Structure formats: C-alpha cells, structure tokens
C-alpha cells in the first residue's frame, strides 16, 4: 500500500497589469508600480505584461509611467512586455527615445563612468568661481 500522492504546487497565473488610462498624477504612477510589484510576487515566473489597450491617448505621462513600471519590473528581475500597444503609442515611444528601453531585456545596464566630454568637468568635480569672474 502506498501513501497519498504528494500534492502538486499550485499553478500561478502570469502577471498582467491592465492600465485603465494614462496616469494623471505621480502618486497614481507609484500606485501602479506597487500593484505591479504585488502581481509579480504572486505570479508565475517570467515576464510581466502591461496591457495598455485602454490607455488613450498615449501621452508623455503614459510614457513616464511605462518607464517607471519597467524599472520596477527590472528591480524584481522581470522583463516587461506591452500588450495592445497601438501604432500611436509606438510613435510616442519612438519620439521620446524610449521605444528600445521598453522592448530591451529586463537587465539594467549600468555603465561605469566614462571620460568627460571635451571641455566638461568629470562628475563629482565642482568648478570654483572666483569673485569678479564673468558668468560663463
């Protein structure tokens, strides 16, 4: 006689965040990021999907929210994918320069400090101003 079969682990749903419209305030964006973090914790491993189908019109507030959501997902080691992103949103993302950011792998690429551009001070160095110096 054999014992009872071990229970299989529960099947977790994928993480899907549905945006009802473009966020109107920074507090609303932070609530969306918190919601994404909650969904990611209670979902199956893999990418986090953000459904932007109802987020009309696609404006810079939406672009900022998507960038912050992607950062929140990346901090959890998750990739973020967009669902129902129309041509309008793709155009706004392209014009803002964030189209590649939102479609790139989730890993954050932090580059070490490079050389300062010509005639610019390296980061962390403050230029002193002497009395009588012309503004400049």
N, C-alpha and C. Protein backbone atom coordinates (compact mmCIF):
# COMPACT_ATOMS: atom_id res chain seq x y z
N UNK A 1 0.84 -1.16 0.00
CA UNK A 1 0.00 0.00 0.00
C UNK A 1 0.89 1.23 0.00
N UNK A 2 0.58 2.15 -0.85
CA UNK A 2 1.36 3.38 -0.94
C UNK A 2 0.62 4.50 -0.27
N UNK A 3 1.36 5.51 0.14
CA UNK A 3 0.77 6.67 0.80
C UNK A 3 0.10 7.59 -0.21
N UNK A 4 -0.51 8.62 0.29
CA UNK A 4 -1.16 9.56 -0.62
C UNK A 4 -0.14 10.24 -1.53
N UNK A 5 -0.56 10.54 -2.73
CA UNK A 5 0.34 11.20 -3.67
C UNK A 5 0.61 12.62 -3.18
N UNK A 6 1.84 13.07 -3.36
CA UNK A 6 2.15 14.43 -2.93
C UNK A 6 1.36 15.42 -3.78
N UNK A 7 0.94 16.47 -3.11
CA UNK A 7 0.18 17.49 -3.83
C UNK A 7 1.12 18.28 -4.74
N UNK A 8 0.64 18.58 -5.90
CA UNK A 8 1.45 19.38 -6.82
C UNK A 8 1.34 20.85 -6.39
N UNK A 9 2.40 21.61 -6.63
CA UNK A 9 2.36 23.01 -6.23
C UNK A 9 1.27 23.74 -7.02
N UNK A 10 0.69 24.77 -6.44
CA UNK A 10 -0.37 25.49 -7.15
C UNK A 10 0.18 26.15 -8.41
N UNK A 11 -0.65 26.20 -9.42
CA UNK A 11 -0.27 26.86 -10.66
C UNK A 11 -0.53 28.35 -10.50
N UNK A 12 0.52 29.12 -10.67
CA UNK A 12 0.41 30.56 -10.51
C UNK A 12 0.06 31.21 -11.84
N UNK A 13 -0.78 32.23 -11.80
CA UNK A 13 -1.14 32.92 -13.05
C UNK A 13 0.01 33.82 -13.51
N UNK A 14 0.02 34.17 -14.79
CA UNK A 14 1.03 35.15 -15.23
C UNK A 14 0.70 36.53 -14.68
N UNK A 15 1.69 37.38 -14.58
CA UNK A 15 1.50 38.74 -14.07
C UNK A 15 1.03 39.63 -15.22
N UNK A 16 -0.19 40.14 -15.09
CA UNK A 16 -0.75 41.05 -16.10
C UNK A 16 -1.33 42.26 -15.37
N UNK A 17 -0.84 43.43 -15.72
CA UNK A 17 -1.33 44.69 -15.17
C UNK A 17 -2.07 45.42 -16.29
N UNK A 18 -3.33 45.73 -16.05
CA UNK A 18 -4.15 46.43 -17.05
C UNK A 18 -4.26 47.89 -16.66
N UNK A 19 -3.83 48.77 -17.56
CA UNK A 19 -3.95 50.20 -17.31
C UNK A 19 -5.30 50.67 -17.82
N UNK A 20 -6.02 51.40 -16.98
CA UNK A 20 -7.33 51.90 -17.38
C UNK A 20 -7.25 53.18 -18.18
N UNK A 21 -6.15 53.86 -18.12
CA UNK A 21 -5.96 55.12 -18.83
C UNK A 21 -4.62 55.69 -18.43
N UNK A 22 -4.21 56.76 -19.07
CA UNK A 22 -2.94 57.36 -18.68
C UNK A 22 -3.01 57.86 -17.24
N UNK A 23 -1.98 57.64 -16.45
CA UNK A 23 -2.00 58.12 -15.07
C UNK A 23 -2.01 59.65 -15.05
N UNK A 24 -2.71 60.21 -14.10
CA UNK A 24 -2.86 61.65 -14.02
C UNK A 24 -1.89 62.31 -13.03
N UNK A 25 -1.40 61.54 -12.05
CA UNK A 25 -0.51 62.11 -11.03
C UNK A 25 0.65 61.17 -10.77
N UNK A 26 1.68 61.71 -10.15
CA UNK A 26 2.83 60.88 -9.77
C UNK A 26 2.43 59.83 -8.73
N UNK A 27 1.50 60.20 -7.85
CA UNK A 27 1.02 59.24 -6.85
C UNK A 27 0.34 58.05 -7.53
N UNK A 28 -0.38 58.32 -8.60
CA UNK A 28 -1.03 57.24 -9.35
C UNK A 28 0.00 56.33 -10.00
N UNK A 29 1.09 56.91 -10.50
CA UNK A 29 2.16 56.10 -11.09
C UNK A 29 2.79 55.21 -10.02
N UNK A 30 3.00 55.77 -8.83
CA UNK A 30 3.58 54.97 -7.74
C UNK A 30 2.64 53.83 -7.34
N UNK A 31 1.33 54.09 -7.33
CA UNK A 31 0.37 53.02 -7.04
C UNK A 31 0.42 51.93 -8.11
N UNK A 32 0.60 52.31 -9.36
CA UNK A 32 0.73 51.32 -10.44
C UNK A 32 1.99 50.48 -10.25
N UNK A 33 3.08 51.13 -9.86
CA UNK A 33 4.33 50.39 -9.62
C UNK A 33 4.15 49.42 -8.46
N UNK A 34 3.48 49.83 -7.41
CA UNK A 34 3.24 48.94 -6.27
C UNK A 34 2.35 47.77 -6.69
N UNK A 35 1.35 48.05 -7.49
CA UNK A 35 0.47 46.98 -7.99
C UNK A 35 1.25 45.99 -8.83
N UNK A 36 2.16 46.49 -9.67
CA UNK A 36 3.00 45.61 -10.48
C UNK A 36 3.86 44.74 -9.59
N UNK A 37 4.44 45.33 -8.54
CA UNK A 37 5.28 44.53 -7.63
C UNK A 37 4.46 43.44 -6.95
N UNK A 38 3.23 43.76 -6.53
CA UNK A 38 2.35 42.76 -5.91
C UNK A 38 2.03 41.64 -6.89
N UNK A 39 1.67 42.01 -8.11
CA UNK A 39 1.36 41.00 -9.13
C UNK A 39 2.57 40.10 -9.40
N UNK A 40 3.74 40.69 -9.48
CA UNK A 40 4.94 39.92 -9.76
C UNK A 40 5.23 38.93 -8.64
N UNK A 41 4.98 39.33 -7.40
CA UNK A 41 5.24 38.44 -6.27
C UNK A 41 4.27 37.25 -6.24
N UNK A 42 3.05 37.46 -6.72
CA UNK A 42 2.02 36.41 -6.65
C UNK A 42 1.79 35.71 -7.98
N UNK A 43 2.74 35.82 -8.90
CA UNK A 43 2.53 35.24 -10.22
C UNK A 43 3.64 34.27 -10.59
N UNK A 44 3.41 33.61 -11.71
CA UNK A 44 4.39 32.68 -12.24
C UNK A 44 5.64 33.45 -12.67
N UNK A 45 6.78 32.77 -12.65
CA UNK A 45 7.99 33.44 -13.14
C UNK A 45 7.82 33.79 -14.61
N UNK A 46 8.59 34.73 -15.06
CA UNK A 46 8.51 35.14 -16.45
C UNK A 46 8.20 36.61 -16.55
N UNK A 47 7.93 37.06 -17.76
CA UNK A 47 7.72 38.49 -17.95
C UNK A 47 6.44 39.00 -17.30
N UNK A 48 6.45 40.27 -17.00
CA UNK A 48 5.27 40.97 -16.51
C UNK A 48 4.66 41.66 -17.73
N UNK A 49 3.37 41.46 -17.94
CA UNK A 49 2.69 42.06 -19.09
C UNK A 49 1.89 43.26 -18.63
N UNK A 50 2.03 44.36 -19.34
CA UNK A 50 1.24 45.56 -19.06
C UNK A 50 0.34 45.79 -20.27
N UNK A 51 -0.96 45.71 -20.04
CA UNK A 51 -1.95 45.91 -21.09
C UNK A 51 -2.26 47.39 -21.17
N UNK A 52 -1.91 48.01 -22.29
CA UNK A 52 -2.09 49.45 -22.46
C UNK A 52 -3.22 49.78 -23.44
N UNK A 53 -4.05 48.80 -23.75
CA UNK A 53 -5.11 48.99 -24.73
C UNK A 53 -6.08 50.11 -24.38
N UNK A 54 -6.38 50.31 -23.11
CA UNK A 54 -7.34 51.33 -22.70
C UNK A 54 -6.67 52.65 -22.36
N UNK A 55 -5.37 52.70 -22.40
CA UNK A 55 -4.63 53.91 -22.02
C UNK A 55 -4.56 54.86 -23.21
N UNK A 56 -5.61 55.59 -23.41
CA UNK A 56 -5.69 56.53 -24.52
C UNK A 56 -5.92 57.91 -23.97
N UNK A 57 -5.39 58.94 -24.51
CA UNK A 57 -4.42 58.97 -25.60
C UNK A 57 -3.03 58.68 -25.07
N UNK A 58 -2.17 58.12 -25.90
CA UNK A 58 -0.80 57.88 -25.43
C UNK A 58 -0.04 59.20 -25.37
N UNK A 59 0.30 59.62 -24.17
CA UNK A 59 0.99 60.88 -23.99
C UNK A 59 2.26 60.66 -23.17
N UNK A 60 2.96 61.73 -22.87
CA UNK A 60 4.22 61.60 -22.14
C UNK A 60 4.01 61.11 -20.71
N UNK A 61 2.84 61.37 -20.12
CA UNK A 61 2.56 60.84 -18.78
C UNK A 61 2.52 59.31 -18.84
N UNK A 62 1.94 58.77 -19.89
CA UNK A 62 1.90 57.31 -20.06
C UNK A 62 3.30 56.77 -20.30
N UNK A 63 4.09 57.46 -21.11
CA UNK A 63 5.47 57.03 -21.39
C UNK A 63 6.28 56.99 -20.10
N UNK A 64 6.14 58.04 -19.28
CA UNK A 64 6.86 58.06 -18.00
C UNK A 64 6.41 56.90 -17.10
N UNK A 65 5.12 56.67 -17.05
CA UNK A 65 4.60 55.58 -16.23
C UNK A 65 5.14 54.24 -16.71
N UNK A 66 5.19 54.03 -18.02
CA UNK A 66 5.70 52.77 -18.55
C UNK A 66 7.19 52.60 -18.24
N UNK A 67 7.94 53.68 -18.33
CA UNK A 67 9.37 53.61 -17.99
C UNK A 67 9.55 53.25 -16.52
N UNK A 68 8.75 53.84 -15.65
CA UNK A 68 8.86 53.53 -14.21
C UNK A 68 8.39 52.12 -13.91
N UNK A 69 7.35 51.66 -14.61
CA UNK A 69 6.90 50.28 -14.43
C UNK A 69 7.97 49.30 -14.87
N UNK A 70 8.64 49.60 -15.98
CA UNK A 70 9.70 48.72 -16.46
C UNK A 70 10.85 48.66 -15.46
N UNK A 71 11.18 49.79 -14.87
CA UNK A 71 12.23 49.82 -13.85
C UNK A 71 11.82 48.99 -12.64
N UNK A 72 10.55 49.10 -12.22
CA UNK A 72 10.06 48.30 -11.09
C UNK A 72 10.16 46.81 -11.42
N UNK A 73 9.79 46.44 -12.64
CA UNK A 73 9.88 45.03 -13.04
C UNK A 73 11.33 44.56 -13.07
N UNK A 74 12.22 45.40 -13.61
CA UNK A 74 13.63 45.03 -13.69
C UNK A 74 14.24 44.85 -12.31
N UNK A 75 13.81 45.66 -11.35
CA UNK A 75 14.33 45.51 -9.99
C UNK A 75 13.91 44.19 -9.36
N UNK A 76 12.84 43.60 -9.89
CA UNK A 76 12.40 42.28 -9.42
C UNK A 76 12.99 41.17 -10.28
N UNK A 77 13.83 41.52 -11.23
CA UNK A 77 14.42 40.52 -12.12
C UNK A 77 13.47 40.05 -13.20
N UNK A 78 12.48 40.87 -13.51
CA UNK A 78 11.47 40.51 -14.51
C UNK A 78 11.60 41.38 -15.75
N UNK A 79 11.23 40.81 -16.87
CA UNK A 79 11.11 41.54 -18.12
C UNK A 79 9.70 42.11 -18.16
N UNK A 80 9.52 43.24 -18.86
CA UNK A 80 8.18 43.80 -19.01
C UNK A 80 7.82 43.82 -20.48
N UNK A 81 6.62 43.36 -20.78
CA UNK A 81 6.12 43.38 -22.15
C UNK A 81 4.85 44.20 -22.21
N UNK A 82 4.63 44.84 -23.35
CA UNK A 82 3.42 45.61 -23.55
C UNK A 82 2.43 44.79 -24.37
N UNK A 83 1.17 44.89 -24.00
CA UNK A 83 0.09 44.22 -24.73
C UNK A 83 -0.86 45.31 -25.24
N UNK A 84 -1.36 45.13 -26.44
CA UNK A 84 -2.33 46.05 -27.06
C UNK A 84 -1.77 47.45 -27.23
N UNK A 85 -0.48 47.54 -27.51
CA UNK A 85 0.13 48.84 -27.79
C UNK A 85 -0.09 49.16 -29.26
N UNK A 86 -0.86 50.18 -29.53
CA UNK A 86 -1.16 50.54 -30.91
C UNK A 86 -0.05 51.35 -31.54
N UNK A 87 -0.27 51.70 -32.80
CA UNK A 87 0.72 52.47 -33.54
C UNK A 87 0.97 53.84 -32.96
N UNK A 88 -0.08 54.45 -32.39
CA UNK A 88 0.07 55.77 -31.76
C UNK A 88 1.07 55.72 -30.62
N UNK A 89 0.91 54.71 -29.75
CA UNK A 89 1.82 54.58 -28.61
C UNK A 89 3.24 54.27 -29.09
N UNK A 90 3.36 53.41 -30.08
CA UNK A 90 4.69 53.10 -30.63
C UNK A 90 5.35 54.37 -31.15
N UNK A 91 4.57 55.25 -31.78
CA UNK A 91 5.11 56.51 -32.27
C UNK A 91 5.57 57.42 -31.15
N UNK A 92 4.76 57.51 -30.10
CA UNK A 92 5.14 58.36 -28.95
C UNK A 92 6.39 57.80 -28.29
N UNK A 93 6.47 56.48 -28.15
CA UNK A 93 7.66 55.87 -27.56
C UNK A 93 8.89 56.13 -28.42
N UNK A 94 8.73 56.04 -29.73
CA UNK A 94 9.86 56.29 -30.63
C UNK A 94 10.32 57.74 -30.54
N UNK A 95 9.36 58.69 -30.53
CA UNK A 95 9.72 60.10 -30.46
C UNK A 95 10.38 60.45 -29.13
N UNK A 96 10.02 59.74 -28.07
CA UNK A 96 10.61 60.03 -26.77
C UNK A 96 11.95 59.32 -26.57
N UNK A 97 12.28 58.40 -27.49
CA UNK A 97 13.54 57.67 -27.37
C UNK A 97 13.45 56.47 -26.44
N UNK A 98 12.25 56.12 -25.98
CA UNK A 98 12.09 55.02 -25.04
C UNK A 98 11.59 53.73 -25.69
N UNK A 99 11.46 53.72 -27.00
CA UNK A 99 10.96 52.50 -27.64
C UNK A 99 11.89 51.33 -27.41
N UNK A 100 13.20 51.54 -27.47
CA UNK A 100 14.14 50.45 -27.23
C UNK A 100 14.20 50.08 -25.76
N UNK A 101 14.08 51.07 -24.89
CA UNK A 101 14.12 50.82 -23.45
C UNK A 101 13.00 49.88 -23.03
N UNK A 102 11.82 50.09 -23.59
CA UNK A 102 10.67 49.28 -23.19
C UNK A 102 10.63 47.93 -23.86
N UNK A 103 11.46 47.71 -24.88
CA UNK A 103 11.46 46.41 -25.53
C UNK A 103 12.77 45.66 -25.29
N UNK A 104 13.73 46.30 -24.62
CA UNK A 104 15.01 45.65 -24.33
C UNK A 104 14.86 44.65 -23.19
N UNK A 105 15.81 43.72 -23.06
CA UNK A 105 15.76 42.79 -21.93
C UNK A 105 15.74 43.53 -20.60
N UNK A 106 15.23 42.86 -19.59
CA UNK A 106 14.99 43.50 -18.30
C UNK A 106 16.27 43.88 -17.57
N UNK A 107 17.39 43.27 -17.90
CA UNK A 107 18.61 43.57 -17.16
C UNK A 107 18.97 45.03 -17.31
N UNK A 108 19.24 45.67 -16.20
CA UNK A 108 19.66 47.06 -16.24
C UNK A 108 21.13 47.10 -16.61
N UNK A 109 21.44 47.90 -17.54
CA UNK A 109 22.83 48.03 -17.96
C UNK A 109 23.36 49.34 -17.37
N UNK A 110 24.20 49.21 -16.38
CA UNK A 110 24.79 50.40 -15.75
C UNK A 110 26.23 50.47 -16.21
N UNK A 111 26.55 51.50 -16.94
CA UNK A 111 27.90 51.64 -17.47
C UNK A 111 28.75 52.39 -16.45
N UNK A 112 29.99 51.95 -16.28
CA UNK A 112 30.86 52.69 -15.38
C UNK A 112 31.14 54.07 -15.96
N UNK A 113 31.51 55.00 -15.09
CA UNK A 113 31.77 56.36 -15.55
C UNK A 113 32.81 56.37 -16.65
N UNK A 114 32.53 57.05 -17.71
CA UNK A 114 33.46 57.16 -18.83
C UNK A 114 34.28 58.43 -18.69
N UNK A 115 34.89 58.82 -19.77
CA UNK A 115 35.67 60.04 -19.77
C UNK A 115 34.73 61.21 -19.97
N UNK A 116 35.07 62.34 -19.36
CA UNK A 116 34.27 63.53 -19.54
C UNK A 116 34.41 64.02 -20.98
N UNK A 117 33.33 64.57 -21.51
CA UNK A 117 33.40 65.11 -22.85
C UNK A 117 34.34 66.31 -22.85
N UNK A 118 34.81 66.67 -24.03
CA UNK A 118 35.74 67.77 -24.14
C UNK A 118 35.17 69.02 -23.48
N UNK A 119 36.00 69.68 -22.69
CA UNK A 119 35.67 70.92 -22.00
C UNK A 119 34.64 70.76 -20.91
N UNK A 120 34.29 69.54 -20.50
CA UNK A 120 33.36 69.33 -19.40
C UNK A 120 34.10 68.72 -18.23
N UNK A 121 33.69 69.10 -17.05
CA UNK A 121 34.28 68.56 -15.85
C UNK A 121 33.76 67.14 -15.62
N UNK A 122 34.60 66.21 -15.15
CA UNK A 122 34.09 64.89 -14.80
C UNK A 122 33.12 65.01 -13.64
N UNK A 123 32.21 64.03 -13.53
CA UNK A 123 31.24 64.04 -12.43
C UNK A 123 31.97 64.03 -11.10
N UNK A 124 31.40 64.72 -10.14
CA UNK A 124 31.98 64.74 -8.81
C UNK A 124 32.98 65.87 -8.62
N UNK A 125 33.30 66.62 -9.68
CA UNK A 125 34.23 67.72 -9.58
C UNK A 125 33.43 69.01 -9.72
N UNK A 126 33.58 69.88 -8.75
CA UNK A 126 32.87 71.15 -8.81
C UNK A 126 33.84 72.24 -9.23
N UNK A 127 33.37 73.06 -10.11
CA UNK A 127 34.20 74.17 -10.59
C UNK A 127 34.10 75.32 -9.61
N UNK A 128 35.21 75.86 -9.22
CA UNK A 128 35.20 77.00 -8.32
C UNK A 128 34.95 78.30 -9.09
N UNK A 129 34.32 79.25 -8.46
CA UNK A 129 34.06 80.54 -9.07
C UNK A 129 34.75 81.59 -8.22
N UNK A 130 35.54 82.40 -8.87
CA UNK A 130 36.24 83.47 -8.19
C UNK A 130 35.42 84.75 -8.30
N UNK A 131 35.43 85.57 -7.25
CA UNK A 131 34.74 86.86 -7.36
C UNK A 131 35.29 87.65 -8.54
N UNK A 132 34.42 88.23 -9.29
CA UNK A 132 34.84 89.05 -10.44
C UNK A 132 34.89 88.27 -11.74
N UNK A 133 34.78 86.93 -11.68
CA UNK A 133 34.77 86.14 -12.92
C UNK A 133 33.51 86.44 -13.71
N UNK A 134 33.62 86.58 -15.02
CA UNK A 134 32.42 86.77 -15.82
C UNK A 134 31.58 85.49 -15.81
N UNK A 135 30.25 85.63 -15.91
CA UNK A 135 29.42 84.41 -15.95
C UNK A 135 29.76 83.64 -17.20
N UNK A 136 29.67 82.33 -17.05
CA UNK A 136 30.03 81.69 -18.17
C UNK A 136 30.01 80.47 -18.72
